Amino acid sequence: MEGEINNFIKVWFSVFVSLSYCYAVSKVVSKGPTRLLCVLPIVCFFIFLPLNLHSIHLGGTTAFFIGWLANFKLLLFAFGKGPLCSDSSISLGRFVVVGCFPIQQNIPSKPLMEKPKNSTPNKTNPSPTLMSHLNGHNKEHPISNKSTVGQRFPVRYAVMGLLLAFLIRVYDYSEHIHPKVILLLYCLHIYLFLEVILAMVAALARALLGVELEPQFNQPYLTSSLQDFWGRRWNLMATNILRITVYDPTLHATTRFIGHKYLANIPAVFATFVVSGLMHELVFYYLGRLRPTWEITLFFIIHGCCLTVEILLKKCFSGRWRMPQLISGPLTIGFVIVTSFWLFFPQFLRFKADERAFREYAALGEFLNNVTSRIRPPSFQK
């Protein structure tokens, strides 16, 4: 465990040095192909950097933040776009933080392929118009409703932490539980773990740096459709960066050829899901170091196709008829779970992510116990 932590420190020190170089490049090289040539070595370096880590938690988090988010931000930065270029007077410290962490930085929060509708906002689920206003018009201090809700209801995260601890105890009796139920518990485990960990990181970032992390989830259990699930509720960090790096450019390009913007949305959505699948394949490779079977990409292609059909059906009915959320919500969640059981979770089990995660929990407990024993006064060690 100590060796992995040392590697983790070295990796993130390398990230700091690399982003400091990119910051210096921004001061002397104008946006465009020349800046891209200067940044490409760092992008390639960031692709290989997570290979220095082998743990599920440290390695997986670093792979997502560096191999995916940071690289996409650097490619945008090369052409004067994205969060790293939203403030011309940005300091080195903030440049590094924004570059390697999902910091809120004027990223629109509207879901893919959904136009803002006039509706009555409320505290827990504001209207799309309100969300667009908060992120589009408050340029100096963009905020997210999700982070605000997280501040107002810390008890929610405490309950999630208790549920997560309870789940870990339940796994001790996994031999008496049906394998499909175990997979369902893994779904819940991943959601609760990410919610709790990111809430803790967000609180730390808020206290030490005065910045807000982008929200990761927005109550996905309240989803009403695939469009709502992927665009507004699940893995919003990835959704936001995919929107500005893949969806928007593809939409712009296809609109020029097709002419009809609504039809141009279809290839833009599909391209977004394909790229998302490929990036998930990369993250899974970091975690397992196994040759990809492309089932993860197939998972996202299927969801991209189904979302396209959903969009076309909404266009055909033009709001004349809409399935009640009491029915569409469970159907959506059921579809996501079934396809995850079929294509997504087998890849986790392929490199024994569950067993490795539990070993890491035990190793972390032992490591913390050794650290506290070293700093504990002699009188307390008797």
Protein backbone atom coordinates (compact mmCIF):
# COMPACT_ATOMS: atom_id res chain seq x y z
CA MET A 1 0.00 0.00 0.00
CA GLU A 2 2.82 2.40 0.86
CA GLY A 3 4.44 1.78 -2.54
CA GLU A 4 1.19 2.57 -4.33
CA ILE A 5 0.73 5.77 -2.33
CA ASN A 6 4.31 6.82 -3.20
CA ASN A 7 3.56 6.20 -6.89
CA PHE A 8 0.33 8.14 -6.51
CA ILE A 9 2.25 11.15 -5.16
CA LYS A 10 4.81 10.93 -7.97
CA VAL A 11 2.07 10.72 -10.61
CA TRP A 12 0.28 13.80 -9.32
CA PHE A 13 3.52 15.74 -8.96
CA SER A 14 4.15 14.93 -12.64
CA VAL A 15 0.66 16.24 -13.42
CA PHE A 16 1.44 19.50 -11.63
CA VAL A 17 4.70 19.96 -13.55
CA SER A 18 3.03 19.14 -16.87
CA LEU A 19 0.15 21.55 -16.36
CA SER A 20 2.59 24.24 -15.24
CA TYR A 21 4.32 23.80 -18.59
CA CYS A 22 0.96 24.16 -20.39
CA TYR A 23 0.28 27.32 -18.39
CA ALA A 24 3.60 28.76 -19.55
CA VAL A 25 2.76 27.78 -23.13
CA SER A 26 -0.50 29.75 -22.91
CA LYS A 27 1.51 32.92 -22.19
CA VAL A 28 3.82 32.69 -25.19
CA VAL A 29 1.98 30.63 -27.84
CA SER A 30 -1.32 31.72 -29.33
CA LYS A 31 -4.19 29.28 -29.78
CA GLY A 32 -4.20 27.09 -32.86
CA PRO A 33 -2.04 24.37 -34.45
CA THR A 34 1.20 25.64 -32.90
CA ARG A 35 -0.20 25.45 -29.37
CA LEU A 36 -1.63 22.01 -30.20
CA LEU A 37 1.85 20.78 -31.15
CA CYS A 38 3.15 22.09 -27.82
CA VAL A 39 0.37 20.39 -25.87
CA LEU A 40 0.30 17.02 -27.67
CA PRO A 41 3.36 15.61 -25.79
CA ILE A 42 1.55 16.28 -22.50
CA VAL A 43 -1.61 14.61 -23.81
CA CYS A 44 0.39 11.52 -24.74
CA PHE A 45 2.17 11.63 -21.38
CA PHE A 46 -1.18 11.78 -19.57
CA ILE A 47 -2.38 8.72 -21.49
CA PHE A 48 0.53 6.64 -20.16
CA LEU A 49 0.78 8.22 -16.69
CA PRO A 50 -2.08 6.23 -15.04
CA LEU A 51 -0.28 3.00 -15.96
CA ASN A 52 2.01 3.68 -12.98
CA LEU A 53 -0.89 2.92 -10.63
CA HIS A 54 -2.51 -0.47 -10.09
CA SER A 55 -5.15 0.03 -7.41
CA ILE A 56 -8.85 0.22 -8.22
CA HIS A 57 -9.49 3.39 -6.24
CA LEU A 58 -6.33 5.48 -6.73
CA GLY A 59 -5.69 4.21 -10.24
CA GLY A 60 -9.30 4.43 -11.39
CA THR A 61 -9.77 7.97 -10.11
CA THR A 62 -6.49 9.13 -11.64
CA ALA A 63 -7.35 7.47 -14.96
CA PHE A 64 -10.68 9.29 -15.12
CA PHE A 65 -9.33 12.69 -14.08
CA ILE A 66 -6.08 12.61 -16.10
CA GLY A 67 -6.47 10.12 -18.93
CA TRP A 68 -9.92 11.45 -19.83
CA LEU A 69 -10.97 14.82 -18.36
CA ALA A 70 -7.57 16.56 -18.31
CA ASN A 71 -6.69 15.43 -21.83
CA PHE A 72 -10.00 16.63 -23.25
CA LYS A 73 -9.53 19.98 -21.51
CA LEU A 74 -6.01 20.30 -22.93
CA LEU A 75 -7.23 19.62 -26.46
CA LEU A 76 -9.84 22.35 -26.02
CA PHE A 77 -7.18 24.61 -24.49
CA ALA A 78 -5.01 24.21 -27.61
CA PHE A 79 -7.71 25.94 -29.64
CA GLY A 80 -8.62 28.56 -27.04
CA LYS A 81 -11.76 26.83 -25.83
CA GLY A 82 -13.00 25.11 -22.71
CA PRO A 83 -12.62 25.79 -18.99
CA LEU A 84 -8.88 26.45 -19.14
CA CYS A 85 -9.47 29.41 -21.47
CA SER A 86 -12.60 30.86 -19.90
CA ASP A 87 -10.56 33.32 -17.83
CA SER A 88 -7.58 35.05 -19.48
CA SER A 89 -6.21 36.17 -16.10
CA ILE A 90 -6.34 32.71 -14.51
CA SER A 91 -3.55 32.03 -12.02
CA LEU A 92 -1.19 29.05 -12.20
CA GLY A 93 -2.77 27.40 -9.16
CA ARG A 94 -6.28 27.67 -10.53
CA PHE A 95 -5.11 26.57 -13.99
CA VAL A 96 -3.68 23.38 -12.49
CA VAL A 97 -6.74 22.71 -10.36
CA VAL A 98 -9.19 23.31 -13.20
CA GLY A 99 -7.01 21.29 -15.55
CA CYS A 100 -6.92 18.09 -13.52
CA PHE A 101 -10.14 18.26 -11.52
CA PRO A 102 -13.78 18.70 -12.57
CA ILE A 103 -14.08 22.25 -11.28
CA GLN A 104 -17.20 24.22 -12.22
CA GLN A 105 -16.09 26.65 -14.88
CA ASN A 106 -18.90 27.95 -17.10
CA ILE A 107 -19.92 24.57 -18.50
CA PRO A 108 -23.57 24.53 -19.63
CA SER A 109 -25.78 22.10 -17.77
CA LYS A 110 -28.54 21.53 -20.32
CA PRO A 111 -29.01 17.88 -21.26
CA LEU A 112 -28.07 16.58 -24.69
CA MET A 113 -30.74 17.04 -27.28
CA GLU A 114 -33.22 18.75 -24.98
CA LYS A 115 -34.38 22.31 -25.40
CA PRO A 116 -35.18 24.43 -22.34
CA LYS A 117 -38.84 24.37 -21.45
CA ASN A 118 -40.79 26.83 -19.39
CA SER A 119 -41.79 25.15 -16.18
CA THR A 120 -42.13 26.05 -12.55
CA PRO A 121 -38.78 25.70 -10.79
CA ASN A 122 -38.47 24.09 -7.40
CA LYS A 123 -35.67 23.58 -4.93
CA THR A 124 -34.78 20.01 -5.77
CA ASN A 125 -35.33 19.95 -9.53
CA PRO A 126 -35.16 23.40 -11.09
CA SER A 127 -36.33 24.09 -14.59
CA PRO A 128 -33.86 23.80 -17.48
CA THR A 129 -34.32 27.52 -18.09
CA LEU A 130 -33.21 28.30 -14.55
CA MET A 131 -30.22 25.97 -14.83
CA SER A 132 -29.19 27.62 -18.09
CA HIS A 133 -29.53 31.03 -16.46
CA LEU A 134 -27.40 30.05 -13.49
CA ASN A 135 -24.59 28.64 -15.62
CA GLY A 136 -24.85 30.94 -18.60
CA HIS A 137 -25.35 34.38 -17.10
CA ASN A 138 -23.33 34.25 -13.92
CA LYS A 139 -19.96 34.16 -15.63
CA GLU A 140 -17.92 35.15 -12.63
CA HIS A 141 -19.30 32.60 -10.19
CA PRO A 142 -21.07 29.82 -12.10
CA ILE A 143 -22.89 27.48 -9.76
CA SER A 144 -24.77 24.22 -9.93
CA ASN A 145 -28.01 23.39 -8.23
CA LYS A 146 -26.71 19.95 -7.38
CA SER A 147 -23.81 21.28 -5.32
CA THR A 148 -26.18 23.66 -3.54
CA VAL A 149 -28.48 20.79 -2.66
CA GLY A 150 -25.48 18.84 -1.40
CA GLN A 151 -24.61 21.71 0.97
CA ARG A 152 -28.18 22.00 2.26
CA PHE A 153 -28.67 18.31 2.93
CA PRO A 154 -25.46 16.85 4.45
CA VAL A 155 -27.61 14.29 6.28
CA ARG A 156 -28.27 12.69 2.91
CA TYR A 157 -24.60 11.86 2.51
CA ALA A 158 -24.38 10.56 6.05
CA VAL A 159 -27.21 8.15 5.28
CA MET A 160 -25.45 7.12 2.07
CA GLY A 161 -22.27 6.47 4.05
CA LEU A 162 -24.15 4.24 6.47
CA LEU A 163 -25.75 2.35 3.58
CA LEU A 164 -22.33 1.88 1.99
CA ALA A 165 -20.90 0.49 5.24
CA PHE A 166 -23.91 -1.82 5.51
CA LEU A 167 -23.35 -3.04 1.93
CA ILE A 168 -19.73 -3.90 2.66
CA ARG A 169 -20.91 -6.05 5.58
CA VAL A 170 -23.53 -7.72 3.40
CA TYR A 171 -20.81 -8.96 1.03
CA ASP A 172 -19.54 -11.21 3.84
CA TYR A 173 -22.61 -13.36 3.16
CA SER A 174 -22.29 -13.25 -0.63
CA GLU A 175 -22.19 -17.07 -0.86
CA HIS A 176 -25.81 -17.10 0.32
CA ILE A 177 -26.96 -14.40 -2.12
CA HIS A 178 -27.94 -14.94 -5.77
CA PRO A 179 -25.24 -13.66 -8.20
CA LYS A 180 -27.73 -11.36 -9.94
CA VAL A 181 -28.59 -9.77 -6.61
CA ILE A 182 -24.86 -9.28 -5.98
CA LEU A 183 -24.59 -7.43 -9.30
CA LEU A 184 -27.52 -5.24 -8.29
CA LEU A 185 -25.74 -4.48 -5.02
CA TYR A 186 -22.64 -3.56 -7.03
CA CYS A 187 -24.71 -0.99 -8.93
CA LEU A 188 -25.82 0.53 -5.65
CA HIS A 189 -22.30 0.29 -4.23
CA ILE A 190 -20.73 2.21 -7.12
CA TYR A 191 -23.37 4.93 -6.93
CA LEU A 192 -23.12 5.34 -3.14
CA PHE A 193 -19.32 5.21 -3.15
CA LEU A 194 -18.97 7.91 -5.80
CA GLU A 195 -21.59 10.12 -4.16
CA VAL A 196 -19.96 9.93 -0.71
CA ILE A 197 -16.35 10.25 -1.91
CA LEU A 198 -17.06 13.13 -4.25
CA ALA A 199 -19.09 14.91 -1.58
CA MET A 200 -16.07 14.68 0.74
CA VAL A 201 -13.70 15.89 -2.00
CA ALA A 202 -16.09 18.73 -2.86
CA ALA A 203 -16.21 19.82 0.77
CA LEU A 204 -12.41 19.73 0.96
CA ALA A 205 -12.04 21.70 -2.29
CA ARG A 206 -14.57 24.25 -1.08
CA ALA A 207 -12.77 24.69 2.26
CA LEU A 208 -9.16 24.77 0.97
CA LEU A 209 -9.47 26.26 -2.53
CA GLY A 210 -12.79 28.08 -2.49
CA VAL A 211 -13.96 26.21 -5.62
CA GLU A 212 -16.85 23.89 -6.35
CA LEU A 213 -16.57 20.49 -7.99
CA GLU A 214 -18.93 19.67 -10.81
CA PRO A 215 -21.67 17.32 -9.55
CA GLN A 216 -21.34 13.68 -10.47
CA PHE A 217 -24.96 12.64 -10.03
CA ASN A 218 -28.34 14.31 -9.85
CA GLN A 219 -30.67 11.77 -8.20
CA PRO A 220 -30.57 9.21 -11.04
CA TYR A 221 -33.30 7.15 -9.35
CA LEU A 222 -35.74 9.94 -10.31
CA THR A 223 -34.99 9.67 -14.03
CA SER A 224 -37.86 9.82 -16.51
CA SER A 225 -36.13 8.76 -19.76
CA LEU A 226 -32.79 7.79 -21.26
CA GLN A 227 -32.34 11.38 -22.37
CA ASP A 228 -32.93 12.56 -18.82
CA PHE A 229 -30.70 9.83 -17.35
CA TRP A 230 -27.64 10.41 -19.54
CA GLY A 231 -28.03 14.15 -20.08
CA ARG A 232 -29.02 15.40 -16.65
CA ARG A 233 -28.56 12.77 -13.97
CA TRP A 234 -25.68 10.27 -14.45
CA ASN A 235 -21.92 10.94 -14.63
CA LEU A 236 -22.38 14.64 -15.26
CA MET A 237 -18.64 15.30 -15.24
CA ALA A 238 -18.23 13.14 -18.34
CA THR A 239 -21.44 14.50 -19.87
CA ASN A 240 -20.25 18.09 -19.58
CA ILE A 241 -16.84 17.50 -21.13
CA LEU A 242 -18.26 15.27 -23.88
CA ARG A 243 -20.78 17.97 -24.76
CA ILE A 244 -18.18 20.63 -25.49
CA THR A 245 -15.54 18.33 -27.05
CA VAL A 246 -17.68 15.94 -29.13
CA TYR A 247 -21.36 16.84 -29.24
CA ASP A 248 -21.12 20.55 -30.04
CA PRO A 249 -18.41 20.26 -32.76
CA THR A 250 -20.19 17.31 -34.38
CA LEU A 251 -23.50 19.16 -34.28
CA HIS A 252 -21.92 22.20 -35.89
CA ALA A 253 -20.27 20.12 -38.63
CA THR A 254 -23.31 17.98 -39.44
CA THR A 255 -25.64 20.98 -39.45
CA ARG A 256 -23.59 22.48 -42.30
CA PHE A 257 -24.10 19.32 -44.39
CA ILE A 258 -27.61 18.28 -43.37
CA GLY A 259 -29.05 21.75 -42.99
CA HIS A 260 -31.75 20.71 -40.53
CA LYS A 261 -30.43 21.21 -37.02
CA TYR A 262 -32.78 18.72 -35.39
CA LEU A 263 -31.68 15.92 -37.75
CA ALA A 264 -28.06 16.94 -37.27
CA ASN A 265 -28.49 16.22 -33.57
CA ILE A 266 -28.78 12.50 -34.29
CA PRO A 267 -25.18 11.88 -35.49
CA ALA A 268 -23.94 14.28 -32.79
CA VAL A 269 -25.60 12.22 -30.05
CA PHE A 270 -24.39 8.95 -31.57
CA ALA A 271 -20.79 10.24 -31.87
CA THR A 272 -20.90 11.33 -28.23
CA PHE A 273 -21.88 7.84 -27.08
CA VAL A 274 -19.22 6.20 -29.26
CA VAL A 275 -16.48 8.40 -27.83
CA SER A 276 -17.81 7.80 -24.32
CA GLY A 277 -17.61 4.06 -24.92
CA LEU A 278 -14.02 4.30 -26.17
CA MET A 279 -12.97 6.39 -23.17
CA HIS A 280 -14.60 3.89 -20.80
CA GLU A 281 -12.65 1.14 -22.57
CA LEU A 282 -9.46 3.10 -21.86
CA VAL A 283 -10.33 3.52 -18.17
CA PHE A 284 -11.15 -0.19 -17.91
CA TYR A 285 -7.81 -1.01 -19.49
CA TYR A 286 -6.05 1.07 -16.84
CA LEU A 287 -7.93 -0.88 -14.16
CA GLY A 288 -7.46 -4.40 -15.51
CA ARG A 289 -4.58 -4.22 -18.06
CA LEU A 290 -6.55 -6.71 -20.18
CA ARG A 291 -7.16 -6.64 -23.91
CA PRO A 292 -10.55 -4.93 -24.49
CA THR A 293 -13.48 -7.04 -25.66
CA TRP A 294 -15.37 -3.90 -26.79
CA GLU A 295 -18.44 -4.85 -24.78
CA ILE A 296 -18.27 -1.51 -22.99
CA THR A 297 -18.31 0.30 -26.33
CA LEU A 298 -21.24 -1.87 -27.43
CA PHE A 299 -23.07 -0.90 -24.24
CA PHE A 300 -22.81 2.79 -25.11
CA ILE A 301 -23.62 2.23 -28.78
CA ILE A 302 -26.83 0.43 -27.78
CA HIS A 303 -27.78 3.27 -25.45
CA GLY A 304 -26.91 5.82 -28.12
CA CYS A 305 -29.17 4.03 -30.63
CA CYS A 306 -32.02 3.72 -28.12
CA LEU A 307 -31.66 7.37 -27.15
CA THR A 308 -31.82 8.31 -30.83
CA VAL A 309 -35.06 6.35 -31.21
CA GLU A 310 -36.44 8.06 -28.11
CA ILE A 311 -35.59 11.47 -29.55
CA LEU A 312 -37.29 10.67 -32.87
CA LEU A 313 -40.40 9.40 -31.09
CA LYS A 314 -40.59 12.60 -29.05
CA LYS A 315 -40.32 14.56 -32.28
CA CYS A 316 -43.07 12.50 -33.93
CA PHE A 317 -45.49 12.97 -31.05
CA SER A 318 -44.43 16.64 -30.62
CA GLY A 319 -45.61 16.73 -27.03
CA ARG A 320 -49.11 15.44 -27.86
CA TRP A 321 -48.53 12.36 -25.73
CA ARG A 322 -45.95 11.53 -23.09
CA MET A 323 -45.58 8.36 -21.08
CA PRO A 324 -46.21 8.94 -17.35
CA GLN A 325 -42.98 9.13 -15.34
CA LEU A 326 -44.34 6.47 -13.00
CA ILE A 327 -43.96 4.08 -15.93
CA SER A 328 -41.09 5.58 -17.95
CA GLY A 329 -38.82 5.97 -14.89
CA PRO A 330 -38.76 2.29 -13.83
CA LEU A 331 -38.53 1.21 -17.48
CA THR A 332 -35.48 3.42 -17.98
CA ILE A 333 -33.75 2.25 -14.81
CA GLY A 334 -34.60 -1.36 -15.64
CA PHE A 335 -33.15 -1.01 -19.14
CA VAL A 336 -29.93 0.51 -17.77
CA ILE A 337 -29.59 -2.25 -15.16
CA VAL A 338 -30.30 -5.11 -17.59
CA THR A 339 -27.83 -3.85 -20.20
CA SER A 340 -25.26 -3.24 -17.42
CA PHE A 341 -25.64 -6.84 -16.25
CA TRP A 342 -25.20 -8.01 -19.83
CA LEU A 343 -22.27 -5.86 -21.02
CA PHE A 344 -20.89 -3.55 -18.32
CA PHE A 345 -20.44 -5.44 -15.06
CA PRO A 346 -18.93 -8.59 -16.62
CA GLN A 347 -15.96 -6.39 -17.49
CA PHE A 348 -15.61 -5.42 -13.82
CA LEU A 349 -15.69 -9.06 -12.80
CA ARG A 350 -13.27 -9.96 -15.59
CA PHE A 351 -10.38 -8.24 -13.79
CA LYS A 352 -11.81 -9.05 -10.33
CA ALA A 353 -12.51 -5.46 -9.42
CA ASP A 354 -14.71 -6.47 -6.50
CA GLU A 355 -12.08 -8.70 -4.87
CA ARG A 356 -9.33 -6.15 -5.45
CA ALA A 357 -11.46 -3.36 -3.97
CA PHE A 358 -12.08 -5.30 -0.76
CA ARG A 359 -8.37 -6.11 -0.48
CA GLU A 360 -7.65 -2.40 -0.85
CA TYR A 361 -10.10 -1.58 1.94
CA ALA A 362 -8.26 -4.02 4.20
CA ALA A 363 -4.84 -2.69 3.10
CA LEU A 364 -5.94 0.88 3.74
CA GLY A 365 -7.11 -0.03 7.23
CA GLU A 366 -3.79 -1.71 7.96
CA PHE A 367 -1.85 1.22 6.52
CA LEU A 368 -3.75 3.75 8.64
CA ASN A 369 -3.24 1.58 11.70
CA ASN A 370 0.54 1.49 11.06
CA VAL A 371 0.66 5.26 10.56
CA THR A 372 -1.24 5.99 13.77
CA SER A 373 0.94 3.54 15.71
CA ARG A 374 4.05 5.42 14.54
CA ILE A 375 2.82 8.83 15.61
CA ARG A 376 1.09 7.63 18.77
CA PRO A 377 2.89 8.69 21.97
CA PRO A 378 4.71 5.79 23.72
CA SER A 379 2.38 6.01 26.71
CA PHE A 380 -0.58 5.13 24.46
CA GLN A 381 1.17 2.17 22.83
CA LYS A 382 1.37 0.10 26.02
